[in-house]
Amino acid sequence: MLTSRSVSSDNAPESSGSTDFDPAPARLTVGIVSAGRVGSALGAALERAGHVVFGVSAISDASVRRAKTRLPDSEILPVEAVAARSELLLLAVPDAELAGLVRGLASAGLVRPGTIVAHTSGANGVAVLAPLAATGALPLAIHPAMTFTGHDEDLARLGNACFGVTAADDIGYAIAQSLVIEMGGEPVRVQEANRPLYHAALAHGSNHLVTVIVDAVAALREALSGEGLLGQQVVDDQPNGLAERLLAPLASAALDNALRRGKAALTGPVARGDAQAVAAHLKALGAVDPRVAESYRALSLRTAQWAGTDPALIELLEGPR
């Protein structure tokens, strides 16, 4: 377990000379701003590792509920009180709010020198923490590459998650690595200059995947509308219905194949260069929702480029110039 002694040994007890001397491990006193989906999940993971989350800031009703449920022994405190008492201060606020929060904490002199200050932003490295680093804080960027729902599965998913970590020096990297491992994740080093690219890649591969699936489900609902087989579930607009069950095995297999085999996993009419089938797809989708048809066209073009398919199909997908 990462301890306060591993950060500073100034107050470490002297050895008694006994070979079996085993002082009780110190624990980090952790404060979290704020108790959103990410902050509350990481706080629970840190407590599970033996650290003490003494306080969290929580403003919205949802954040207060999460704090009370996931961190029942922690006080709900103002940001100023959380910052002033922390040995490890975790800033789990949205990306757009991070820089302003850091400037405010630094200008108010609330963070003690030697405090470990870690944020969970994917797009930022440690440069955004420079105002606090200038006051003696140790800056870390610790971003869990995972989506959080606010439900029980969040903690379980941390066990399979990688964390993108960035630090100012080797000591920072060692502390970040220890914290991530204690939370059950896998630390991955990301250079400061590469944080925007790292974040863009994750957003493209996760957020846009959701968009594709939601569009596909909507088109499937339209395709399956009307009278069904005897005993068939009625197709409606509720989640986890027939359209989702139809798509789930195919989408899951496609994702697994892509991660295992790369572009060799590409199948279907675009990869085969079947311009006639793709043109029919565009027409059918356009009749339901032209926006979905345009999304299909753009992704089909990128698929065709990866597959090195028929130039005539690529020309069709590029459209008039």
Protein backbone atom coordinates (compact mmCIF):
# COMPACT_ATOMS: atom_id res chain seq x y z
CA MET A 1 0.00 0.00 0.00
CA LEU A 2 1.23 3.49 -0.79
CA THR A 3 1.81 5.27 2.51
CA SER A 4 2.66 8.76 3.59
CA ARG A 5 6.10 7.42 4.55
CA SER A 6 6.71 6.46 0.93
CA VAL A 7 6.24 10.11 -0.01
CA SER A 8 8.37 11.61 2.76
CA SER A 9 10.58 9.90 5.34
CA ASP A 10 11.26 12.99 7.48
CA ASN A 11 9.07 11.73 10.30
CA ALA A 12 9.76 8.03 9.96
CA PRO A 13 10.54 6.29 13.26
CA GLU A 14 14.08 5.12 13.86
CA SER A 15 14.69 1.40 13.71
CA SER A 16 15.01 -0.32 17.06
CA GLY A 17 17.53 -2.70 15.58
CA SER A 18 15.10 -5.59 15.88
CA THR A 19 14.70 -7.57 12.70
CA ASP A 20 10.99 -8.07 13.36
CA PHE A 21 10.19 -4.34 13.78
CA ASP A 22 7.06 -3.71 11.71
CA PRO A 23 5.50 -0.29 12.26
CA ALA A 24 1.82 0.05 11.42
CA PRO A 25 1.56 1.38 7.87
CA ALA A 26 0.58 5.01 7.56
CA ARG A 27 -2.36 5.80 5.31
CA LEU A 28 -3.00 8.78 3.11
CA THR A 29 -5.74 11.17 4.15
CA VAL A 30 -7.74 11.67 0.97
CA GLY A 31 -10.07 14.50 0.01
CA ILE A 32 -12.14 14.48 -3.16
CA VAL A 33 -13.53 17.32 -5.27
CA SER A 34 -16.19 16.27 -6.28
CA ALA A 35 -18.33 13.19 -5.55
CA GLY A 36 -19.45 12.64 -9.12
CA ARG A 37 -19.47 9.28 -10.84
CA VAL A 38 -15.68 9.16 -11.22
CA GLY A 39 -14.69 10.74 -7.91
CA SER A 40 -16.97 8.58 -5.79
CA ALA A 41 -15.84 5.39 -7.55
CA LEU A 42 -12.14 6.19 -7.15
CA GLY A 43 -12.72 7.24 -3.57
CA ALA A 44 -14.34 3.90 -2.79
CA ALA A 45 -11.43 2.11 -4.49
CA LEU A 46 -8.89 4.08 -2.44
CA GLU A 47 -10.74 3.26 0.78
CA ARG A 48 -10.79 -0.38 -0.21
CA ALA A 49 -6.98 -0.14 -0.52
CA GLY A 50 -6.73 1.17 3.04
CA HIS A 51 -6.58 4.94 2.57
CA VAL A 52 -8.98 7.23 4.44
CA VAL A 53 -11.32 9.45 2.47
CA PHE A 54 -12.11 11.96 5.18
CA GLY A 55 -14.16 14.36 3.08
CA VAL A 56 -15.75 15.07 -0.28
CA SER A 57 -17.40 18.05 -1.87
CA ALA A 58 -20.85 17.37 -3.27
CA ILE A 59 -23.31 19.96 -4.53
CA SER A 60 -25.97 18.25 -6.65
CA ASP A 61 -28.50 15.88 -5.13
CA ALA A 62 -27.05 13.02 -7.20
CA SER A 63 -23.52 13.73 -5.91
CA VAL A 64 -24.74 13.86 -2.32
CA ARG A 65 -26.48 10.50 -2.75
CA ARG A 66 -23.36 8.95 -4.27
CA ALA A 67 -21.20 10.31 -1.47
CA LYS A 68 -23.48 8.92 1.22
CA THR A 69 -23.78 5.55 -0.51
CA ARG A 70 -20.21 4.94 -1.67
CA LEU A 71 -18.34 6.88 1.03
CA PRO A 72 -20.61 6.70 4.08
CA ASP A 73 -17.79 7.46 6.54
CA SER A 74 -16.72 10.64 4.71
CA GLU A 75 -17.94 14.12 5.57
CA ILE A 76 -19.55 16.28 2.91
CA LEU A 77 -17.54 19.50 3.17
CA PRO A 78 -16.89 22.72 1.27
CA VAL A 79 -14.12 22.55 -1.30
CA GLU A 80 -11.92 24.77 0.88
CA ALA A 81 -12.09 22.37 3.83
CA VAL A 82 -11.41 19.35 1.63
CA ALA A 83 -8.35 20.98 0.06
CA ALA A 84 -6.87 22.22 3.34
CA ARG A 85 -6.86 18.84 5.12
CA SER A 86 -5.81 16.49 2.31
CA GLU A 87 -2.57 14.57 1.94
CA LEU A 88 -3.95 13.32 -1.37
CA LEU A 89 -6.33 15.75 -3.05
CA LEU A 90 -8.28 14.18 -5.92
CA LEU A 91 -9.82 16.66 -8.36
CA ALA A 92 -12.57 14.76 -10.18
CA VAL A 93 -14.31 17.67 -11.88
CA PRO A 94 -15.23 18.05 -15.58
CA ASP A 95 -12.37 19.04 -17.88
CA ALA A 96 -13.78 22.51 -18.50
CA GLU A 97 -13.83 23.29 -14.76
CA LEU A 98 -10.38 21.97 -13.85
CA ALA A 99 -8.16 24.94 -14.70
CA GLY A 100 -10.39 27.43 -12.90
CA LEU A 101 -10.56 25.23 -9.80
CA VAL A 102 -6.77 24.88 -9.72
CA ARG A 103 -6.23 28.63 -10.06
CA GLY A 104 -8.73 29.30 -7.29
CA LEU A 105 -7.12 26.80 -4.89
CA ALA A 106 -3.66 28.18 -5.62
CA SER A 107 -4.60 31.83 -5.21
CA ALA A 108 -6.34 31.09 -1.91
CA GLY A 109 -3.32 29.19 -0.57
CA LEU A 110 -5.51 26.33 0.56
CA VAL A 111 -3.30 23.39 -0.46
CA ARG A 112 -0.38 22.62 1.84
CA PRO A 113 3.12 22.11 0.38
CA GLY A 114 3.82 18.41 -0.12
CA THR A 115 0.19 17.56 -0.87
CA ILE A 116 -0.28 15.08 -3.69
CA VAL A 117 -2.76 16.68 -6.10
CA ALA A 118 -4.16 14.35 -8.74
CA HIS A 119 -6.81 15.08 -11.34
CA THR A 120 -8.84 12.61 -13.40
CA SER A 121 -9.06 14.55 -16.67
CA GLY A 122 -8.17 12.59 -19.78
CA ALA A 123 -7.32 15.60 -21.94
CA ASN A 124 -4.94 17.24 -19.46
CA GLY A 125 -1.53 16.31 -18.16
CA VAL A 126 0.19 17.98 -15.22
CA ALA A 127 0.65 21.40 -16.85
CA VAL A 128 -2.87 22.37 -15.76
CA LEU A 129 -1.75 21.84 -12.15
CA ALA A 130 1.21 24.25 -12.48
CA PRO A 131 -0.31 26.91 -10.15
CA LEU A 132 -0.52 24.34 -7.34
CA ALA A 133 2.87 22.81 -8.17
CA ALA A 134 4.36 26.28 -7.76
CA THR A 135 3.11 26.28 -4.15
CA GLY A 136 4.82 22.94 -3.39
CA ALA A 137 2.16 20.41 -4.36
CA LEU A 138 3.08 17.21 -6.18
CA PRO A 139 1.05 17.13 -9.43
CA LEU A 140 -0.35 13.95 -11.00
CA ALA A 141 -2.74 13.18 -13.85
CA ILE A 142 -4.52 9.86 -13.25
CA HIS A 143 -7.24 9.18 -15.81
CA PRO A 144 -9.26 5.95 -15.71
CA ALA A 145 -9.91 4.84 -19.29
CA MET A 146 -13.39 3.69 -18.40
CA THR A 147 -16.96 4.90 -18.65
CA PHE A 148 -18.79 5.40 -15.36
CA THR A 149 -22.53 5.02 -14.85
CA GLY A 150 -22.83 5.84 -11.17
CA HIS A 151 -23.96 2.28 -10.43
CA ASP A 152 -22.40 -0.73 -8.70
CA GLU A 153 -20.64 -1.98 -11.82
CA ASP A 154 -18.25 1.00 -11.76
CA LEU A 155 -16.05 -0.46 -9.01
CA ALA A 156 -15.95 -3.88 -10.63
CA ARG A 157 -14.90 -2.36 -13.95
CA LEU A 158 -11.95 -0.60 -12.37
CA GLY A 159 -10.35 -4.03 -12.03
CA ASN A 160 -10.14 -4.29 -15.82
CA ALA A 161 -9.33 -0.64 -16.53
CA CYS A 162 -6.12 1.01 -17.59
CA PHE A 163 -5.26 4.47 -16.23
CA GLY A 164 -3.40 7.04 -18.29
CA VAL A 165 -0.84 8.58 -15.90
CA THR A 166 1.32 11.65 -16.35
CA ALA A 167 3.66 13.15 -13.77
CA ALA A 168 6.35 15.81 -13.54
CA ASP A 169 9.17 13.46 -12.50
CA ASP A 170 10.06 9.88 -11.63
CA ILE A 171 8.87 10.25 -8.04
CA GLY A 172 5.49 11.38 -9.31
CA TYR A 173 5.28 8.47 -11.72
CA ALA A 174 6.13 6.02 -8.92
CA ILE A 175 3.37 7.45 -6.70
CA ALA A 176 0.83 7.46 -9.55
CA GLN A 177 1.71 3.89 -10.45
CA SER A 178 1.26 2.75 -6.84
CA LEU A 179 -2.09 4.51 -6.48
CA VAL A 180 -3.46 2.99 -9.68
CA ILE A 181 -2.30 -0.51 -8.78
CA GLU A 182 -3.87 -0.15 -5.33
CA MET A 183 -7.18 0.80 -6.95
CA GLY A 184 -7.01 -2.38 -9.03
CA GLY A 185 -6.14 -0.73 -12.35
CA GLU A 186 -3.22 -0.93 -14.77
CA PRO A 187 -1.08 2.23 -15.02
CA VAL A 188 0.00 3.35 -18.50
CA ARG A 189 2.42 6.23 -19.01
CA VAL A 190 1.22 9.04 -21.30
CA GLN A 191 3.57 11.86 -22.26
CA GLU A 192 2.35 15.37 -21.43
CA ALA A 193 2.32 16.47 -25.08
CA ASN A 194 0.31 13.40 -26.10
CA ARG A 195 -2.60 13.82 -23.67
CA PRO A 196 -4.94 15.45 -26.26
CA LEU A 197 -4.26 12.66 -28.76
CA TYR A 198 -4.69 10.00 -26.05
CA HIS A 199 -8.02 11.51 -25.04
CA ALA A 200 -9.22 11.92 -28.64
CA ALA A 201 -8.48 8.26 -29.38
CA LEU A 202 -10.44 7.08 -26.35
CA ALA A 203 -13.38 9.37 -27.14
CA HIS A 204 -13.43 8.20 -30.75
CA GLY A 205 -13.36 4.54 -29.76
CA SER A 206 -15.96 4.75 -26.99
CA ASN A 207 -18.29 7.74 -27.40
CA HIS A 208 -18.63 7.28 -31.15
CA LEU A 209 -19.19 3.57 -30.67
CA VAL A 210 -22.26 4.46 -28.61
CA THR A 211 -23.45 6.77 -31.40
CA VAL A 212 -23.08 4.02 -34.01
CA ILE A 213 -24.93 1.49 -31.85
CA VAL A 214 -27.77 3.91 -31.05
CA ASP A 215 -28.17 4.73 -34.75
CA ALA A 216 -28.09 1.05 -35.70
CA VAL A 217 -30.70 0.19 -33.06
CA ALA A 218 -33.00 2.95 -34.33
CA ALA A 219 -32.71 1.66 -37.90
CA LEU A 220 -33.33 -1.91 -36.73
CA ARG A 221 -36.48 -0.88 -34.89
CA GLU A 222 -37.77 0.60 -38.13
CA ALA A 223 -36.79 -2.51 -40.07
CA LEU A 224 -38.53 -4.80 -37.56
CA SER A 225 -41.72 -2.77 -37.23
CA GLY A 226 -45.02 -4.39 -38.13
CA GLU A 227 -46.42 -7.81 -37.40
CA GLY A 228 -44.00 -10.28 -35.86
CA LEU A 229 -43.82 -14.01 -35.36
CA LEU A 230 -46.07 -15.79 -32.87
CA GLY A 231 -44.79 -14.89 -29.40
CA GLN A 232 -42.29 -12.33 -30.72
CA GLN A 233 -41.69 -9.32 -28.50
CA VAL A 234 -43.30 -6.13 -29.72
CA VAL A 235 -40.75 -3.71 -31.16
CA ASP A 236 -40.87 -0.39 -29.33
CA ASP A 237 -38.50 2.40 -28.34
CA GLN A 238 -37.57 1.00 -24.91
CA PRO A 239 -33.92 0.01 -24.28
CA ASN A 240 -32.84 -3.63 -24.11
CA GLY A 241 -35.50 -4.75 -26.53
CA LEU A 242 -35.61 -6.98 -29.59
CA ALA A 243 -33.43 -4.72 -31.74
CA GLU A 244 -30.72 -4.63 -29.06
CA ARG A 245 -30.82 -8.42 -28.64
CA LEU A 246 -30.52 -8.86 -32.38
CA LEU A 247 -27.51 -6.55 -32.61
CA ALA A 248 -25.71 -7.48 -29.38
CA PRO A 249 -23.99 -10.77 -30.41
CA LEU A 250 -22.89 -9.31 -33.74
CA ALA A 251 -21.59 -6.06 -32.26
CA SER A 252 -19.83 -7.88 -29.40
CA ALA A 253 -18.13 -10.27 -31.81
CA ALA A 254 -17.09 -7.40 -34.09
CA LEU A 255 -15.54 -5.49 -31.19
CA ASP A 256 -13.73 -8.59 -29.94
CA ASN A 257 -12.44 -9.37 -33.43
CA ALA A 258 -11.26 -5.79 -33.96
CA LEU A 259 -9.31 -5.78 -30.70
CA ARG A 260 -7.81 -9.19 -31.39
CA ARG A 261 -7.16 -9.01 -35.14
CA GLY A 262 -7.10 -5.35 -36.14
CA LYS A 263 -8.23 -4.44 -39.64
CA ALA A 264 -8.29 -8.13 -40.59
CA ALA A 265 -11.62 -8.22 -38.71
CA LEU A 266 -13.28 -6.06 -41.38
CA THR A 267 -16.16 -7.89 -43.10
CA GLY A 268 -19.34 -6.96 -44.92
CA PRO A 269 -20.20 -5.29 -48.21
CA VAL A 270 -17.81 -2.36 -47.86
CA ALA A 271 -14.80 -4.60 -47.20
CA ARG A 272 -15.89 -6.78 -50.16
CA GLY A 273 -16.24 -3.79 -52.47
CA ASP A 274 -19.95 -4.42 -53.11
CA ALA A 275 -20.94 -0.99 -54.41
CA GLN A 276 -24.48 -2.10 -55.27
CA ALA A 277 -25.23 -3.25 -51.72
CA VAL A 278 -23.72 -0.10 -50.20
CA ALA A 279 -25.78 2.12 -52.51
CA ALA A 280 -28.91 0.26 -51.41
CA HIS A 281 -27.95 0.78 -47.78
CA LEU A 282 -27.53 4.51 -48.29
CA LYS A 283 -30.92 4.75 -49.99
CA ALA A 284 -32.72 2.77 -47.25
CA LEU A 285 -31.08 4.69 -44.41
CA GLY A 286 -31.68 8.01 -46.12
CA ALA A 287 -35.40 7.27 -46.27
CA VAL A 288 -35.48 6.78 -42.49
CA ASP A 289 -32.99 9.44 -41.35
CA PRO A 290 -30.63 11.31 -43.70
CA ARG A 291 -28.28 12.00 -40.77
CA VAL A 292 -27.78 8.29 -40.20
CA ALA A 293 -27.16 7.81 -43.91
CA GLU A 294 -24.44 10.47 -43.85
CA SER A 295 -22.82 8.86 -40.82
CA TYR A 296 -22.92 5.49 -42.60
CA ARG A 297 -21.34 7.07 -45.68
CA ALA A 298 -18.48 8.61 -43.70
CA LEU A 299 -17.72 5.45 -41.75
CA SER A 300 -18.03 3.30 -44.89
CA LEU A 301 -15.47 5.51 -46.62
CA ARG A 302 -13.01 5.04 -43.75
CA THR A 303 -13.73 1.28 -43.77
CA ALA A 304 -13.09 1.16 -47.53
CA GLN A 305 -9.79 2.99 -47.06
CA TRP A 306 -8.66 0.52 -44.38
CA ALA A 307 -9.77 -2.44 -46.49
CA GLY A 308 -8.15 -1.12 -49.68
CA THR A 309 -11.33 -2.00 -51.49
CA ASP A 310 -12.67 -1.30 -55.01
CA PRO A 311 -11.76 2.27 -56.10
CA ALA A 312 -15.24 2.58 -57.64
CA LEU A 313 -16.80 2.09 -54.20
CA ILE A 314 -14.50 4.69 -52.68
CA GLU A 315 -15.52 7.10 -55.44
CA LEU A 316 -19.19 6.40 -54.69
CA LEU A 317 -18.69 7.07 -50.99
CA GLU A 318 -16.69 10.25 -51.54
CA GLY A 319 -19.58 11.62 -53.59
CA PRO A 320 -19.38 14.49 -56.07
CA ARG A 321 -16.41 16.80 -55.66
